[in-house]
Amino acid sequence: MPKVSDEHLAARRQQILDAAAACFARQGFHRTSMSDIVRECGVSAGLVYRYFSSKDEMIEEIVREWHAHRAVALQAGDATESYLGLLRELGTPAGPDPGLALQVWAESVRSPEIRALAREGVDAARRSAAEVVGSDALVRVLIAVYQGLLVQTAWDESLDNGAFVEAVRGVLDRLNPGDSGVFGGP
């Protein structure tokens, strides 16, 4: 039997995660069964269990992917534009599913493992931003704006994300007039 490539294994793993995320977003974490994920994915239960032993493990991996995406996005170019880019993609296919993200936050209250992962992501964002902002209070405000927009995006389909992002840009510009970005630098 030919050896399966690492790319194929990674793609299959991602297919399972995508199916799990779709089920969690549609039905909620606790109402989704492993059978639902198997059905959504269109593969055997054995294959799903080969990659993930539980729903918790899947949600943990989804959170890790979100953290990795945010870390890369925040490293790219101008810090202000990178931050606004993250806000802009909330509620789009490029960003995390807002409903699923809220479920993860809710689950973090119950699950110490998911809480640790959520805290890890927030702490990483704080460290990254603190290097250039310098004010822990302002960093916390920027994180709260991101989290607040995530909630509003999940609750209000009529939200004009573009207008929200431009309003945030205006606030950031006022906080640091004459600078090319609230985070400093050209």
N, C-alpha and C. Protein backbone atom coordinates (compact mmCIF):
# COMPACT_ATOMS: atom_id res chain seq x y z
N MET A 1 0.84 -1.17 0.00
CA MET A 1 0.00 0.00 0.00
C MET A 1 0.89 1.24 0.00
N PRO A 2 0.62 2.20 -0.90
CA PRO A 2 1.48 3.37 -0.98
C PRO A 2 1.34 4.26 0.26
N LYS A 3 2.46 4.88 0.60
CA LYS A 3 2.45 5.79 1.75
C LYS A 3 1.66 7.05 1.40
N VAL A 4 0.83 7.49 2.33
CA VAL A 4 0.03 8.70 2.14
C VAL A 4 0.92 9.90 2.47
N SER A 5 0.87 10.91 1.64
CA SER A 5 1.74 12.08 1.82
C SER A 5 1.33 12.89 3.06
N ASP A 6 2.29 13.61 3.59
CA ASP A 6 2.01 14.49 4.73
C ASP A 6 0.97 15.54 4.36
N GLU A 7 1.02 16.01 3.11
CA GLU A 7 0.05 17.01 2.64
C GLU A 7 -1.36 16.44 2.67
N HIS A 8 -1.50 15.19 2.25
CA HIS A 8 -2.82 14.55 2.26
C HIS A 8 -3.33 14.40 3.70
N LEU A 9 -2.45 13.99 4.60
CA LEU A 9 -2.84 13.83 6.01
C LEU A 9 -3.26 15.17 6.60
N ALA A 10 -2.50 16.21 6.29
CA ALA A 10 -2.83 17.55 6.80
C ALA A 10 -4.16 18.04 6.23
N ALA A 11 -4.38 17.77 4.94
CA ALA A 11 -5.64 18.19 4.30
C ALA A 11 -6.83 17.44 4.90
N ARG A 12 -6.66 16.17 5.18
CA ARG A 12 -7.74 15.37 5.78
C ARG A 12 -8.04 15.88 7.19
N ARG A 13 -6.99 16.17 7.94
CA ARG A 13 -7.16 16.70 9.30
C ARG A 13 -7.91 18.03 9.25
N GLN A 14 -7.54 18.88 8.30
CA GLN A 14 -8.21 20.17 8.16
C GLN A 14 -9.66 19.99 7.74
N GLN A 15 -9.93 19.02 6.88
CA GLN A 15 -11.30 18.73 6.46
C GLN A 15 -12.16 18.37 7.68
N ILE A 16 -11.60 17.58 8.57
CA ILE A 16 -12.33 17.19 9.78
C ILE A 16 -12.56 18.40 10.68
N LEU A 17 -11.53 19.23 10.85
CA LEU A 17 -11.68 20.44 11.66
C LEU A 17 -12.73 21.38 11.08
N ASP A 18 -12.71 21.54 9.76
CA ASP A 18 -13.70 22.41 9.11
C ASP A 18 -15.12 21.89 9.32
N ALA A 19 -15.28 20.56 9.23
CA ALA A 19 -16.60 19.96 9.46
C ALA A 19 -17.03 20.17 10.91
N ALA A 20 -16.10 19.99 11.84
CA ALA A 20 -16.41 20.20 13.25
C ALA A 20 -16.81 21.65 13.50
N ALA A 21 -16.05 22.58 12.93
CA ALA A 21 -16.36 24.00 13.11
C ALA A 21 -17.75 24.33 12.56
N ALA A 22 -18.08 23.77 11.41
CA ALA A 22 -19.40 24.02 10.82
C ALA A 22 -20.51 23.48 11.73
N CYS A 23 -20.31 22.28 12.26
CA CYS A 23 -21.31 21.70 13.17
C CYS A 23 -21.42 22.51 14.46
N PHE A 24 -20.28 22.89 15.04
CA PHE A 24 -20.30 23.67 16.28
C PHE A 24 -21.00 25.00 16.06
N ALA A 25 -20.72 25.64 14.93
CA ALA A 25 -21.33 26.95 14.64
C ALA A 25 -22.84 26.83 14.45
N ARG A 26 -23.26 25.75 13.81
CA ARG A 26 -24.68 25.57 13.49
C ARG A 26 -25.49 25.06 14.68
N GLN A 27 -24.93 24.11 15.44
CA GLN A 27 -25.70 23.41 16.48
C GLN A 27 -25.26 23.73 17.90
N GLY A 28 -24.13 24.35 18.04
CA GLY A 28 -23.56 24.56 19.36
C GLY A 28 -22.63 23.41 19.71
N PHE A 29 -21.72 23.70 20.60
CA PHE A 29 -20.71 22.72 20.97
C PHE A 29 -21.33 21.50 21.64
N HIS A 30 -22.20 21.73 22.59
CA HIS A 30 -22.74 20.62 23.37
C HIS A 30 -23.80 19.82 22.63
N ARG A 31 -24.46 20.42 21.67
CA ARG A 31 -25.47 19.68 20.90
C ARG A 31 -24.87 18.96 19.70
N THR A 32 -23.60 19.17 19.44
CA THR A 32 -22.94 18.48 18.34
C THR A 32 -22.34 17.18 18.86
N SER A 33 -22.63 16.10 18.17
CA SER A 33 -22.04 14.81 18.54
C SER A 33 -20.91 14.48 17.56
N MET A 34 -20.09 13.54 17.95
CA MET A 34 -19.05 13.08 17.03
C MET A 34 -19.70 12.52 15.76
N SER A 35 -20.86 11.89 15.90
CA SER A 35 -21.58 11.36 14.73
C SER A 35 -21.97 12.48 13.77
N ASP A 36 -22.36 13.63 14.32
CA ASP A 36 -22.68 14.79 13.47
C ASP A 36 -21.46 15.21 12.66
N ILE A 37 -20.31 15.23 13.31
CA ILE A 37 -19.08 15.64 12.64
C ILE A 37 -18.71 14.63 11.56
N VAL A 38 -18.83 13.35 11.88
CA VAL A 38 -18.55 12.29 10.89
C VAL A 38 -19.45 12.46 9.68
N ARG A 39 -20.73 12.68 9.92
CA ARG A 39 -21.70 12.87 8.83
C ARG A 39 -21.36 14.11 8.00
N GLU A 40 -21.06 15.21 8.67
CA GLU A 40 -20.73 16.47 7.98
C GLU A 40 -19.49 16.31 7.12
N CYS A 41 -18.54 15.54 7.64
CA CYS A 41 -17.26 15.37 6.96
C CYS A 41 -17.34 14.34 5.83
N GLY A 42 -18.25 13.40 5.96
CA GLY A 42 -18.40 12.38 4.93
C GLY A 42 -17.30 11.32 4.95
N VAL A 43 -16.75 11.07 6.12
CA VAL A 43 -15.72 10.04 6.27
C VAL A 43 -16.16 9.08 7.37
N SER A 44 -15.37 8.05 7.59
CA SER A 44 -15.73 7.08 8.62
C SER A 44 -15.41 7.63 10.01
N ALA A 45 -16.12 7.09 10.99
CA ALA A 45 -15.86 7.48 12.38
C ALA A 45 -14.42 7.15 12.77
N GLY A 46 -13.95 6.00 12.30
CA GLY A 46 -12.58 5.60 12.61
C GLY A 46 -11.56 6.62 12.14
N LEU A 47 -11.81 7.19 10.96
CA LEU A 47 -10.88 8.19 10.43
C LEU A 47 -10.91 9.45 11.29
N VAL A 48 -12.08 9.88 11.70
CA VAL A 48 -12.17 11.06 12.57
C VAL A 48 -11.42 10.80 13.87
N TYR A 49 -11.65 9.63 14.47
CA TYR A 49 -10.99 9.31 15.74
C TYR A 49 -9.49 9.08 15.57
N ARG A 50 -9.05 8.79 14.38
CA ARG A 50 -7.61 8.66 14.12
C ARG A 50 -6.91 10.01 14.35
N TYR A 51 -7.62 11.08 14.02
CA TYR A 51 -7.04 12.42 14.14
C TYR A 51 -7.38 13.10 15.46
N PHE A 52 -8.59 12.86 15.96
CA PHE A 52 -9.07 13.57 17.16
C PHE A 52 -9.81 12.60 18.06
N SER A 53 -9.46 12.60 19.33
CA SER A 53 -10.12 11.67 20.26
C SER A 53 -11.40 12.24 20.85
N SER A 54 -11.62 13.57 20.69
CA SER A 54 -12.80 14.17 21.30
C SER A 54 -13.14 15.50 20.64
N LYS A 55 -14.34 15.99 20.94
CA LYS A 55 -14.74 17.33 20.48
C LYS A 55 -13.85 18.39 21.13
N ASP A 56 -13.51 18.19 22.40
CA ASP A 56 -12.64 19.15 23.08
C ASP A 56 -11.32 19.32 22.33
N GLU A 57 -10.77 18.21 21.90
CA GLU A 57 -9.51 18.26 21.16
C GLU A 57 -9.68 19.05 19.85
N MET A 58 -10.82 18.88 19.22
CA MET A 58 -11.09 19.62 17.98
C MET A 58 -11.20 21.12 18.24
N ILE A 59 -11.96 21.49 19.26
CA ILE A 59 -12.14 22.91 19.54
C ILE A 59 -10.82 23.53 19.96
N GLU A 60 -10.01 22.79 20.69
CA GLU A 60 -8.68 23.30 21.07
C GLU A 60 -7.84 23.57 19.83
N GLU A 61 -7.90 22.69 18.86
CA GLU A 61 -7.13 22.89 17.64
C GLU A 61 -7.67 24.07 16.83
N ILE A 62 -8.97 24.23 16.79
CA ILE A 62 -9.57 25.38 16.10
C ILE A 62 -9.07 26.68 16.75
N VAL A 63 -9.03 26.72 18.07
CA VAL A 63 -8.55 27.91 18.78
C VAL A 63 -7.08 28.14 18.46
N ARG A 64 -6.28 27.09 18.44
CA ARG A 64 -4.85 27.24 18.08
C ARG A 64 -4.70 27.83 16.68
N GLU A 65 -5.53 27.38 15.75
CA GLU A 65 -5.48 27.93 14.39
C GLU A 65 -5.81 29.42 14.39
N TRP A 66 -6.84 29.82 15.14
CA TRP A 66 -7.19 31.24 15.23
C TRP A 66 -6.03 32.05 15.77
N HIS A 67 -5.38 31.52 16.83
CA HIS A 67 -4.25 32.24 17.43
C HIS A 67 -3.11 32.38 16.42
N ALA A 68 -2.83 31.31 15.71
CA ALA A 68 -1.74 31.37 14.72
C ALA A 68 -2.06 32.39 13.63
N HIS A 69 -3.30 32.41 13.17
CA HIS A 69 -3.70 33.37 12.14
C HIS A 69 -3.54 34.80 12.64
N ARG A 70 -4.00 35.06 13.86
CA ARG A 70 -3.88 36.42 14.42
C ARG A 70 -2.42 36.81 14.60
N ALA A 71 -1.60 35.88 15.05
CA ALA A 71 -0.18 36.19 15.27
C ALA A 71 0.49 36.59 13.96
N VAL A 72 0.22 35.84 12.90
CA VAL A 72 0.79 36.16 11.58
C VAL A 72 0.26 37.51 11.11
N ALA A 73 -1.04 37.74 11.26
CA ALA A 73 -1.64 38.99 10.79
C ALA A 73 -1.07 40.19 11.53
N LEU A 74 -0.81 40.05 12.82
CA LEU A 74 -0.29 41.17 13.60
C LEU A 74 1.18 41.45 13.33
N GLN A 75 1.89 40.49 12.75
CA GLN A 75 3.30 40.68 12.42
C GLN A 75 3.49 41.36 11.08
N ALA A 76 2.44 41.41 10.27
CA ALA A 76 2.55 41.88 8.89
C ALA A 76 2.43 43.40 8.81
N GLY A 77 3.52 44.06 8.48
CA GLY A 77 3.48 45.49 8.18
C GLY A 77 3.12 46.38 9.34
N ASP A 78 2.49 47.50 9.01
CA ASP A 78 2.09 48.52 9.96
C ASP A 78 1.15 47.94 11.01
N ALA A 79 1.46 48.16 12.27
CA ALA A 79 0.68 47.56 13.36
C ALA A 79 -0.77 48.03 13.36
N THR A 80 -0.99 49.32 13.11
CA THR A 80 -2.37 49.82 13.09
C THR A 80 -3.16 49.15 11.98
N GLU A 81 -2.58 49.10 10.79
CA GLU A 81 -3.28 48.48 9.66
C GLU A 81 -3.50 46.99 9.89
N SER A 82 -2.54 46.33 10.52
CA SER A 82 -2.70 44.90 10.83
C SER A 82 -3.87 44.69 11.78
N TYR A 83 -3.95 45.53 12.80
CA TYR A 83 -5.05 45.43 13.77
C TYR A 83 -6.39 45.71 13.09
N LEU A 84 -6.44 46.77 12.30
CA LEU A 84 -7.69 47.10 11.59
C LEU A 84 -8.06 45.99 10.61
N GLY A 85 -7.06 45.35 10.01
CA GLY A 85 -7.33 44.22 9.12
C GLY A 85 -8.00 43.07 9.85
N LEU A 86 -7.55 42.80 11.08
CA LEU A 86 -8.20 41.75 11.88
C LEU A 86 -9.65 42.12 12.19
N LEU A 87 -9.88 43.39 12.52
CA LEU A 87 -11.26 43.83 12.76
C LEU A 87 -12.09 43.69 11.49
N ARG A 88 -11.50 44.07 10.37
CA ARG A 88 -12.22 44.07 9.09
C ARG A 88 -12.65 42.66 8.70
N GLU A 89 -11.84 41.67 9.01
CA GLU A 89 -12.18 40.31 8.56
C GLU A 89 -13.16 39.58 9.48
N LEU A 90 -13.49 40.17 10.63
CA LEU A 90 -14.51 39.54 11.48
C LEU A 90 -15.82 39.48 10.70
N GLY A 91 -16.45 38.34 10.72
CA GLY A 91 -17.71 38.18 10.01
C GLY A 91 -17.54 37.87 8.53
N THR A 92 -16.29 37.66 8.10
CA THR A 92 -16.03 37.26 6.72
C THR A 92 -15.46 35.85 6.75
N PRO A 93 -15.41 35.17 5.61
CA PRO A 93 -14.83 33.83 5.60
C PRO A 93 -13.36 33.79 6.04
N ALA A 94 -12.65 34.91 5.93
CA ALA A 94 -11.24 34.94 6.33
C ALA A 94 -11.08 34.95 7.85
N GLY A 95 -12.09 35.41 8.56
CA GLY A 95 -11.99 35.53 10.02
C GLY A 95 -12.66 34.37 10.72
N PRO A 96 -12.54 34.36 12.05
CA PRO A 96 -13.22 33.30 12.80
C PRO A 96 -14.73 33.48 12.71
N ASP A 97 -15.45 32.38 12.74
CA ASP A 97 -16.91 32.45 12.77
C ASP A 97 -17.31 33.08 14.10
N PRO A 98 -17.99 34.22 14.08
CA PRO A 98 -18.31 34.91 15.34
C PRO A 98 -19.14 34.06 16.31
N GLY A 99 -20.12 33.34 15.80
CA GLY A 99 -20.93 32.50 16.67
C GLY A 99 -20.11 31.40 17.32
N LEU A 100 -19.23 30.80 16.54
CA LEU A 100 -18.37 29.76 17.09
C LEU A 100 -17.39 30.36 18.10
N ALA A 101 -16.87 31.53 17.80
CA ALA A 101 -15.94 32.18 18.73
C ALA A 101 -16.62 32.46 20.08
N LEU A 102 -17.88 32.90 20.03
CA LEU A 102 -18.60 33.13 21.29
C LEU A 102 -18.81 31.83 22.06
N GLN A 103 -19.07 30.75 21.34
CA GLN A 103 -19.23 29.46 22.00
C GLN A 103 -17.92 29.02 22.66
N VAL A 104 -16.81 29.31 21.98
CA VAL A 104 -15.51 28.98 22.56
C VAL A 104 -15.30 29.77 23.86
N TRP A 105 -15.63 31.07 23.82
CA TRP A 105 -15.50 31.88 25.04
C TRP A 105 -16.39 31.30 26.14
N ALA A 106 -17.61 30.93 25.81
CA ALA A 106 -18.51 30.35 26.81
C ALA A 106 -17.94 29.03 27.34
N GLU A 107 -17.41 28.23 26.45
CA GLU A 107 -16.84 26.94 26.85
C GLU A 107 -15.61 27.14 27.73
N SER A 108 -14.92 28.26 27.55
CA SER A 108 -13.72 28.52 28.35
C SER A 108 -14.06 28.72 29.83
N VAL A 109 -15.30 29.03 30.13
CA VAL A 109 -15.73 29.15 31.52
C VAL A 109 -15.81 27.76 32.17
N ARG A 110 -16.19 26.76 31.39
CA ARG A 110 -16.36 25.39 31.88
C ARG A 110 -15.07 24.58 31.81
N SER A 111 -14.32 24.76 30.74
CA SER A 111 -13.18 23.89 30.47
C SER A 111 -11.85 24.60 30.78
N PRO A 112 -11.11 24.09 31.75
CA PRO A 112 -9.82 24.70 32.07
C PRO A 112 -8.85 24.68 30.88
N GLU A 113 -8.91 23.63 30.07
CA GLU A 113 -8.01 23.53 28.91
C GLU A 113 -8.33 24.61 27.88
N ILE A 114 -9.60 24.80 27.60
CA ILE A 114 -9.98 25.82 26.62
C ILE A 114 -9.75 27.21 27.20
N ARG A 115 -9.99 27.39 28.48
CA ARG A 115 -9.71 28.67 29.13
C ARG A 115 -8.21 28.99 29.02
N ALA A 116 -7.36 28.00 29.25
CA ALA A 116 -5.92 28.22 29.15
C ALA A 116 -5.54 28.62 27.73
N LEU A 117 -6.14 27.97 26.74
CA LEU A 117 -5.86 28.33 25.34
C LEU A 117 -6.35 29.74 25.02
N ALA A 118 -7.54 30.07 25.49
CA ALA A 118 -8.08 31.42 25.24
C ALA A 118 -7.19 32.46 25.89
N ARG A 119 -6.78 32.21 27.11
CA ARG A 119 -5.90 33.14 27.83
C ARG A 119 -4.56 33.26 27.10
N GLU A 120 -4.06 32.14 26.62
CA GLU A 120 -2.80 32.14 25.87
C GLU A 120 -2.88 33.09 24.67
N GLY A 121 -3.99 33.03 23.96
CA GLY A 121 -4.17 33.90 22.79
C GLY A 121 -4.26 35.36 23.18
N VAL A 122 -5.01 35.66 24.22
CA VAL A 122 -5.13 37.05 24.68
C VAL A 122 -3.78 37.55 25.18
N ASP A 123 -3.08 36.71 25.95
CA ASP A 123 -1.77 37.12 26.47
C ASP A 123 -0.76 37.34 25.35
N ALA A 124 -0.80 36.49 24.32
CA ALA A 124 0.11 36.68 23.18
C ALA A 124 -0.19 37.99 22.47
N ALA A 125 -1.46 38.30 22.30
CA ALA A 125 -1.84 39.58 21.66
C ALA A 125 -1.39 40.75 22.53
N ARG A 126 -1.55 40.63 23.83
CA ARG A 126 -1.11 41.70 24.74
C ARG A 126 0.39 41.91 24.65
N ARG A 127 1.16 40.83 24.66
CA ARG A 127 2.62 40.96 24.58
C ARG A 127 3.04 41.59 23.27
N SER A 128 2.43 41.13 22.19
CA SER A 128 2.77 41.65 20.86
C SER A 128 2.47 43.14 20.77
N ALA A 129 1.30 43.54 21.21
CA ALA A 129 0.91 44.95 21.13
C ALA A 129 1.68 45.80 22.12
N ALA A 130 1.98 45.26 23.30
CA ALA A 130 2.67 46.03 24.33
C ALA A 130 4.06 46.45 23.88
N GLU A 131 4.68 45.65 23.02
CA GLU A 131 6.01 45.99 22.52
C GLU A 131 6.01 47.32 21.77
N VAL A 132 4.91 47.63 21.12
CA VAL A 132 4.87 48.87 20.33
C VAL A 132 3.94 49.93 20.89
N VAL A 133 2.93 49.53 21.66
CA VAL A 133 2.01 50.51 22.23
C VAL A 133 2.59 51.10 23.51
N GLY A 134 3.12 50.24 24.36
CA GLY A 134 3.72 50.70 25.59
C GLY A 134 2.75 50.87 26.75
N SER A 135 1.48 50.90 26.52
CA SER A 135 0.49 51.09 27.58
C SER A 135 -0.38 49.85 27.69
N ASP A 136 -0.27 49.17 28.83
CA ASP A 136 -1.08 47.96 29.02
C ASP A 136 -2.57 48.28 28.99
N ALA A 137 -2.94 49.44 29.52
CA ALA A 137 -4.36 49.82 29.51
C ALA A 137 -4.87 49.98 28.09
N LEU A 138 -4.09 50.63 27.22
CA LEU A 138 -4.50 50.81 25.83
C LEU A 138 -4.55 49.47 25.10
N VAL A 139 -3.60 48.60 25.39
CA VAL A 139 -3.61 47.26 24.78
C VAL A 139 -4.90 46.54 25.17
N ARG A 140 -5.28 46.62 26.42
CA ARG A 140 -6.51 45.95 26.87
C ARG A 140 -7.75 46.56 26.20
N VAL A 141 -7.73 47.86 25.98
CA VAL A 141 -8.84 48.51 25.28
C VAL A 141 -8.93 47.98 23.85
N LEU A 142 -7.80 47.86 23.17
CA LEU A 142 -7.80 47.37 21.78
C LEU A 142 -8.28 45.92 21.71
N ILE A 143 -7.89 45.11 22.68
CA ILE A 143 -8.38 43.72 22.72
C ILE A 143 -9.88 43.72 22.99
N ALA A 144 -10.34 44.58 23.89
CA ALA A 144 -11.78 44.65 24.19
C ALA A 144 -12.57 45.10 22.96
N VAL A 145 -12.01 46.01 22.17
CA VAL A 145 -12.69 46.44 20.93
C VAL A 145 -12.84 45.24 19.99
N TYR A 146 -11.78 44.46 19.84
CA TYR A 146 -11.83 43.27 18.98
C TYR A 146 -12.90 42.30 19.50
N GLN A 147 -12.86 42.02 20.80
CA GLN A 147 -13.83 41.09 21.38
C GLN A 147 -15.25 41.63 21.27
N GLY A 148 -15.41 42.92 21.48
CA GLY A 148 -16.74 43.53 21.37
C GLY A 148 -17.29 43.46 19.96
N LEU A 149 -16.43 43.72 18.97
CA LEU A 149 -16.88 43.62 17.58
C LEU A 149 -17.24 42.18 17.24
N LEU A 150 -16.50 41.23 17.80
CA LEU A 150 -16.82 39.82 17.58
C LEU A 150 -18.23 39.52 18.08
N VAL A 151 -18.56 40.01 19.27
CA VAL A 151 -19.91 39.80 19.83
C VAL A 151 -20.95 40.48 18.95
N GLN A 152 -20.71 41.74 18.58
CA GLN A 152 -21.68 42.46 17.76
C GLN A 152 -21.87 41.79 16.40
N THR A 153 -20.80 41.27 15.83
CA THR A 153 -20.89 40.59 14.54
C THR A 153 -21.75 39.34 14.65
N ALA A 154 -21.62 38.63 15.78
CA ALA A 154 -22.43 37.42 15.98
C ALA A 154 -23.90 37.75 16.19
N TRP A 155 -24.18 38.86 16.84
CA TRP A 155 -25.55 39.21 17.21
C TRP A 155 -26.29 40.05 16.18
N ASP A 156 -25.58 40.85 15.41
CA ASP A 156 -26.23 41.85 14.57
C ASP A 156 -25.78 41.71 13.11
N GLU A 157 -26.60 41.03 12.33
CA GLU A 157 -26.27 40.82 10.92
C GLU A 157 -26.26 42.11 10.12
N SER A 158 -26.90 43.16 10.63
CA SER A 158 -26.95 44.42 9.90
C SER A 158 -25.74 45.32 10.20
N LEU A 159 -24.85 44.86 11.07
CA LEU A 159 -23.68 45.66 11.44
C LEU A 159 -22.86 46.00 10.21
N ASP A 160 -22.53 47.26 10.06
CA ASP A 160 -21.66 47.71 8.97
C ASP A 160 -20.23 47.65 9.47
N ASN A 161 -19.58 46.53 9.22
CA ASN A 161 -18.23 46.29 9.70
C ASN A 161 -17.26 47.35 9.19
N GLY A 162 -17.39 47.72 7.92
CA GLY A 162 -16.50 48.73 7.35
C GLY A 162 -16.60 50.06 8.07
N ALA A 163 -17.82 50.49 8.38
CA ALA A 163 -18.02 51.75 9.11
C ALA A 163 -17.45 51.64 10.52
N PHE A 164 -17.61 50.48 11.15
CA PHE A 164 -17.06 50.27 12.48
C PHE A 164 -15.54 50.40 12.45
N VAL A 165 -14.92 49.74 11.48
CA VAL A 165 -13.45 49.77 11.37
C VAL A 165 -12.97 51.20 11.14
N GLU A 166 -13.67 51.94 10.30
CA GLU A 166 -13.26 53.33 10.05
C GLU A 166 -13.43 54.19 11.30
N ALA A 167 -14.46 53.91 12.10
CA ALA A 167 -14.64 54.63 13.36
C ALA A 167 -13.48 54.33 14.31
N VAL A 168 -13.07 53.07 14.36
CA VAL A 168 -11.93 52.69 15.20
C VAL A 168 -10.67 53.39 14.69
N ARG A 169 -10.49 53.44 13.37
CA ARG A 169 -9.34 54.13 12.80
C ARG A 169 -9.33 55.60 13.27
N GLY A 170 -10.49 56.24 13.24
CA GLY A 170 -10.58 57.63 13.68
C GLY A 170 -10.18 57.79 15.14
N VAL A 171 -10.62 56.87 15.98
CA VAL A 171 -10.25 56.93 17.40
C VAL A 171 -8.74 56.75 17.55
N LEU A 172 -8.19 55.78 16.85
CA LEU A 172 -6.74 55.53 16.94
C LEU A 172 -5.95 56.73 16.46
N ASP A 173 -6.40 57.36 15.38
CA ASP A 173 -5.71 58.55 14.87
C ASP A 173 -5.74 59.68 15.90
N ARG A 174 -6.84 59.84 16.60
CA ARG A 174 -6.95 60.90 17.61
C ARG A 174 -6.08 60.61 18.83
N LEU A 175 -5.88 59.33 19.12
CA LEU A 175 -5.03 58.97 20.26
C LEU A 175 -3.57 59.31 20.01
N ASN A 176 -3.19 59.32 18.76
CA ASN A 176 -1.78 59.51 18.42
C ASN A 176 -1.66 60.41 17.20
N PRO A 177 -2.08 61.67 17.28
CA PRO A 177 -2.05 62.55 16.11
C PRO A 177 -0.62 62.77 15.62
N GLY A 178 -0.49 62.87 14.31
CA GLY A 178 0.82 63.12 13.71
C GLY A 178 1.64 61.87 13.51
N ASP A 179 1.22 60.77 14.11
CA ASP A 179 1.93 59.51 13.92
C ASP A 179 1.19 58.73 12.85
N SER A 180 1.90 57.88 12.14
CA SER A 180 1.24 57.12 11.08
C SER A 180 0.40 55.98 11.63
N GLY A 181 0.47 55.74 12.92
CA GLY A 181 -0.32 54.67 13.51
C GLY A 181 -0.24 54.73 15.02
N VAL A 182 -1.29 54.32 15.68
CA VAL A 182 -1.32 54.34 17.13
C VAL A 182 -0.20 53.49 17.71
N PHE A 183 0.23 52.51 16.95
CA PHE A 183 1.27 51.62 17.45
C PHE A 183 2.66 52.17 17.20
N GLY A 184 2.76 53.33 16.57
CA GLY A 184 4.05 53.94 16.31
C GLY A 184 4.67 53.44 15.02
N GLY A 185 5.74 54.07 14.65
CA GLY A 185 6.48 53.67 13.45
C GLY A 185 5.90 54.27 12.20
N PRO A 186 6.70 54.27 11.14
CA PRO A 186 6.24 54.86 9.88
C PRO A 186 5.22 54.00 9.17
